[in-house]
Amino acid sequence: MAVFGVLALVVGLLLIIVETHVPTIGIAGTVGALSVASGAALLLFSGGFGPSVALPVAAGAAVVGGGLAAVAGPKVLRARRAPVRSGPQSLIGTSGTVRSWRGTEGQIETAGGLWRARIEFGYDADPPLSAGERVVVERLHGLTLGVRRREPWEVEP
């Protein structure tokens, strides 16, 4: 009985490791966790050296799991509060280079693509943007970016 318990523990740990490397939608991890639990139960209730192996393994697993929860918990909570930065919204705040400009509209290169842009901030007396000038994306209007000139004090990302 103790041999089956140790075998179940080993198979369960291997399945949990497989879950971390292969996308099985949690199936291998769940079966692995159940196998570890059943292996620990088999060792605990079998005669011989079962309890002397099962209790330290369970205590070690509890300590490791508690430590991981203590480390990962605050990071998870911080990540849940952070705004989602993907898709077009991730362009806001990025720096770009003017490729062509006419009047108040033109094209800029940012995030590896060429985008239509419109000047958002500035004065009528300011000279128009020229090719090669650096701008900062301030707003997003559909697929048109609202940009402004990059200030000299702004650090390049």
Protein backbone atom coordinates (compact mmCIF):
# COMPACT_ATOMS: atom_id res chain seq x y z
CA MET A 1 0.00 0.00 0.00
CA ALA A 2 2.87 2.35 0.83
CA VAL A 3 4.40 1.71 -2.60
CA PHE A 4 1.18 2.84 -4.30
CA GLY A 5 1.14 5.94 -2.09
CA VAL A 6 4.68 6.91 -3.08
CA LEU A 7 3.89 6.15 -6.73
CA ALA A 8 0.76 8.34 -6.57
CA LEU A 9 2.81 11.18 -5.04
CA VAL A 10 5.45 10.98 -7.75
CA VAL A 11 2.90 10.73 -10.59
CA GLY A 12 0.94 13.64 -9.11
CA LEU A 13 4.01 15.85 -8.90
CA LEU A 14 4.95 14.98 -12.47
CA LEU A 15 1.46 15.87 -13.69
CA ILE A 16 1.63 19.21 -11.89
CA ILE A 17 4.98 19.91 -13.56
CA VAL A 18 3.51 18.93 -16.95
CA GLU A 19 0.66 21.41 -16.35
CA THR A 20 3.16 24.26 -16.04
CA HIS A 21 4.67 23.49 -19.46
CA VAL A 22 1.76 22.15 -21.53
CA PRO A 23 -1.58 23.93 -21.94
CA THR A 24 -4.02 21.29 -20.67
CA ILE A 25 -6.59 23.79 -19.38
CA GLY A 26 -5.93 22.67 -15.81
CA ILE A 27 -6.79 19.01 -16.39
CA ALA A 28 -3.28 17.65 -15.73
CA GLY A 29 -2.86 19.93 -12.72
CA THR A 30 -6.18 18.86 -11.23
CA VAL A 31 -5.47 15.17 -11.75
CA GLY A 32 -1.98 15.72 -10.33
CA ALA A 33 -3.33 17.45 -7.22
CA LEU A 34 -5.84 14.65 -6.70
CA SER A 35 -3.08 12.09 -7.18
CA VAL A 36 -0.87 13.83 -4.61
CA ALA A 37 -3.75 13.97 -2.15
CA SER A 38 -4.64 10.32 -2.66
CA GLY A 39 -0.97 9.30 -2.40
CA ALA A 40 -0.64 11.20 0.87
CA ALA A 41 -3.81 9.52 2.16
CA LEU A 42 -2.57 6.08 1.12
CA LEU A 43 0.72 6.69 2.90
CA LEU A 44 -0.97 8.07 5.98
CA PHE A 45 -3.38 5.16 6.38
CA SER A 46 -1.07 2.36 5.31
CA GLY A 47 0.99 0.53 7.83
CA GLY A 48 4.71 0.85 8.21
CA PHE A 49 6.56 4.00 7.30
CA GLY A 50 3.56 5.73 5.67
CA PRO A 51 2.82 8.30 8.38
CA SER A 52 6.51 9.11 8.78
CA VAL A 53 6.63 10.05 5.06
CA ALA A 54 3.16 11.54 4.57
CA LEU A 55 3.23 14.03 7.43
CA PRO A 56 6.55 15.69 6.47
CA VAL A 57 5.52 15.79 2.80
CA ALA A 58 2.17 17.38 3.66
CA ALA A 59 3.83 19.86 6.04
CA GLY A 60 6.41 20.77 3.41
CA ALA A 61 3.73 21.24 0.77
CA ALA A 62 1.76 23.46 3.15
CA VAL A 63 4.81 25.61 3.92
CA VAL A 64 5.75 25.98 0.24
CA GLY A 65 2.15 26.75 -0.75
CA GLY A 66 1.76 29.30 2.03
CA GLY A 67 5.04 30.95 1.06
CA LEU A 68 4.00 31.16 -2.59
CA ALA A 69 0.64 32.64 -1.60
CA ALA A 70 2.38 35.20 0.63
CA VAL A 71 4.71 36.25 -2.19
CA ALA A 72 2.25 36.10 -5.09
CA GLY A 73 -0.83 37.45 -3.30
CA PRO A 74 0.19 41.12 -3.11
CA LYS A 75 1.47 41.04 -6.69
CA VAL A 76 -1.83 39.63 -7.92
CA LEU A 77 -3.78 42.32 -6.08
CA ARG A 78 -1.59 45.07 -7.57
CA ALA A 79 -2.00 43.62 -11.06
CA ARG A 80 -5.78 43.52 -10.68
CA ARG A 81 -5.87 47.25 -9.87
CA ALA A 82 -3.61 48.26 -12.76
CA PRO A 83 -5.29 49.55 -15.92
CA VAL A 84 -5.28 47.28 -18.93
CA ARG A 85 -2.56 48.39 -21.33
CA SER A 86 -3.19 46.55 -24.57
CA GLY A 87 -4.51 47.30 -28.01
CA PRO A 88 -4.71 50.86 -29.27
CA GLN A 89 -5.00 52.25 -25.73
CA SER A 90 -1.41 51.19 -25.09
CA LEU A 91 -0.24 53.87 -27.55
CA ILE A 92 -1.18 56.72 -25.20
CA GLY A 93 1.98 58.21 -23.74
CA THR A 94 4.30 56.68 -26.30
CA SER A 95 6.73 58.68 -28.36
CA GLY A 96 6.63 58.77 -32.14
CA THR A 97 8.46 60.24 -35.12
CA VAL A 98 6.76 62.46 -37.70
CA ARG A 99 7.06 60.93 -41.18
CA SER A 100 4.97 63.49 -43.12
CA TRP A 101 2.93 66.49 -42.02
CA ARG A 102 0.61 69.01 -43.66
CA GLY A 103 -1.23 71.66 -41.64
CA THR A 104 -2.66 70.10 -38.50
CA GLU A 105 -2.60 66.47 -39.71
CA GLY A 106 -0.02 63.99 -40.87
CA GLN A 107 1.50 60.58 -40.34
CA ILE A 108 3.69 59.43 -37.46
CA GLU A 109 5.56 56.24 -36.80
CA THR A 110 5.08 54.73 -33.36
CA ALA A 111 4.88 51.22 -31.92
CA GLY A 112 6.22 49.77 -35.16
CA GLY A 113 3.44 51.17 -37.35
CA LEU A 114 2.49 54.21 -39.38
CA TRP A 115 -0.48 56.09 -37.91
CA ARG A 116 -2.62 59.02 -38.95
CA ALA A 117 -2.18 61.84 -36.44
CA ARG A 118 -3.62 65.24 -35.59
CA ILE A 119 -1.98 67.92 -33.46
CA GLU A 120 -3.83 68.22 -30.15
CA PHE A 121 -1.88 70.82 -28.23
CA GLY A 122 -0.06 73.87 -29.43
CA TYR A 123 -0.58 77.44 -30.54
CA ASP A 124 -1.50 78.75 -33.95
CA ALA A 125 1.75 80.69 -34.00
CA ASP A 126 3.82 77.52 -33.53
CA PRO A 127 5.60 76.29 -36.66
CA PRO A 128 4.09 73.16 -38.22
CA LEU A 129 5.61 69.81 -37.39
CA SER A 130 8.33 68.61 -39.73
CA ALA A 131 9.54 65.16 -40.75
CA GLY A 132 11.81 63.57 -38.14
CA GLU A 133 10.42 65.60 -35.22
CA ARG A 134 9.52 63.68 -32.06
CA VAL A 135 5.92 63.79 -30.76
CA VAL A 136 4.03 62.24 -27.84
CA VAL A 137 0.66 60.50 -28.25
CA GLU A 138 -1.90 62.14 -25.96
CA ARG A 139 -5.29 60.87 -27.15
CA LEU A 140 -6.91 58.36 -29.41
CA HIS A 141 -9.81 59.24 -31.74
CA GLY A 142 -10.73 56.01 -33.52
CA LEU A 143 -7.59 55.24 -35.51
CA THR A 144 -6.32 58.83 -35.46
CA LEU A 145 -3.80 59.72 -32.78
CA GLY A 146 -3.87 63.09 -31.02
CA VAL A 147 -0.25 64.19 -30.60
CA ARG A 148 1.79 67.05 -29.18
CA ARG A 149 5.40 68.11 -29.53
CA ARG A 150 7.81 66.34 -27.22
CA GLU A 151 9.21 68.71 -24.63
CA PRO A 152 13.00 68.93 -24.31
CA TRP A 153 12.88 67.79 -20.68
CA GLU A 154 10.95 64.58 -21.49
CA VAL A 155 13.05 61.46 -21.36
CA GLU A 156 13.01 59.21 -24.41
CA PRO A 157 11.35 55.85 -23.51
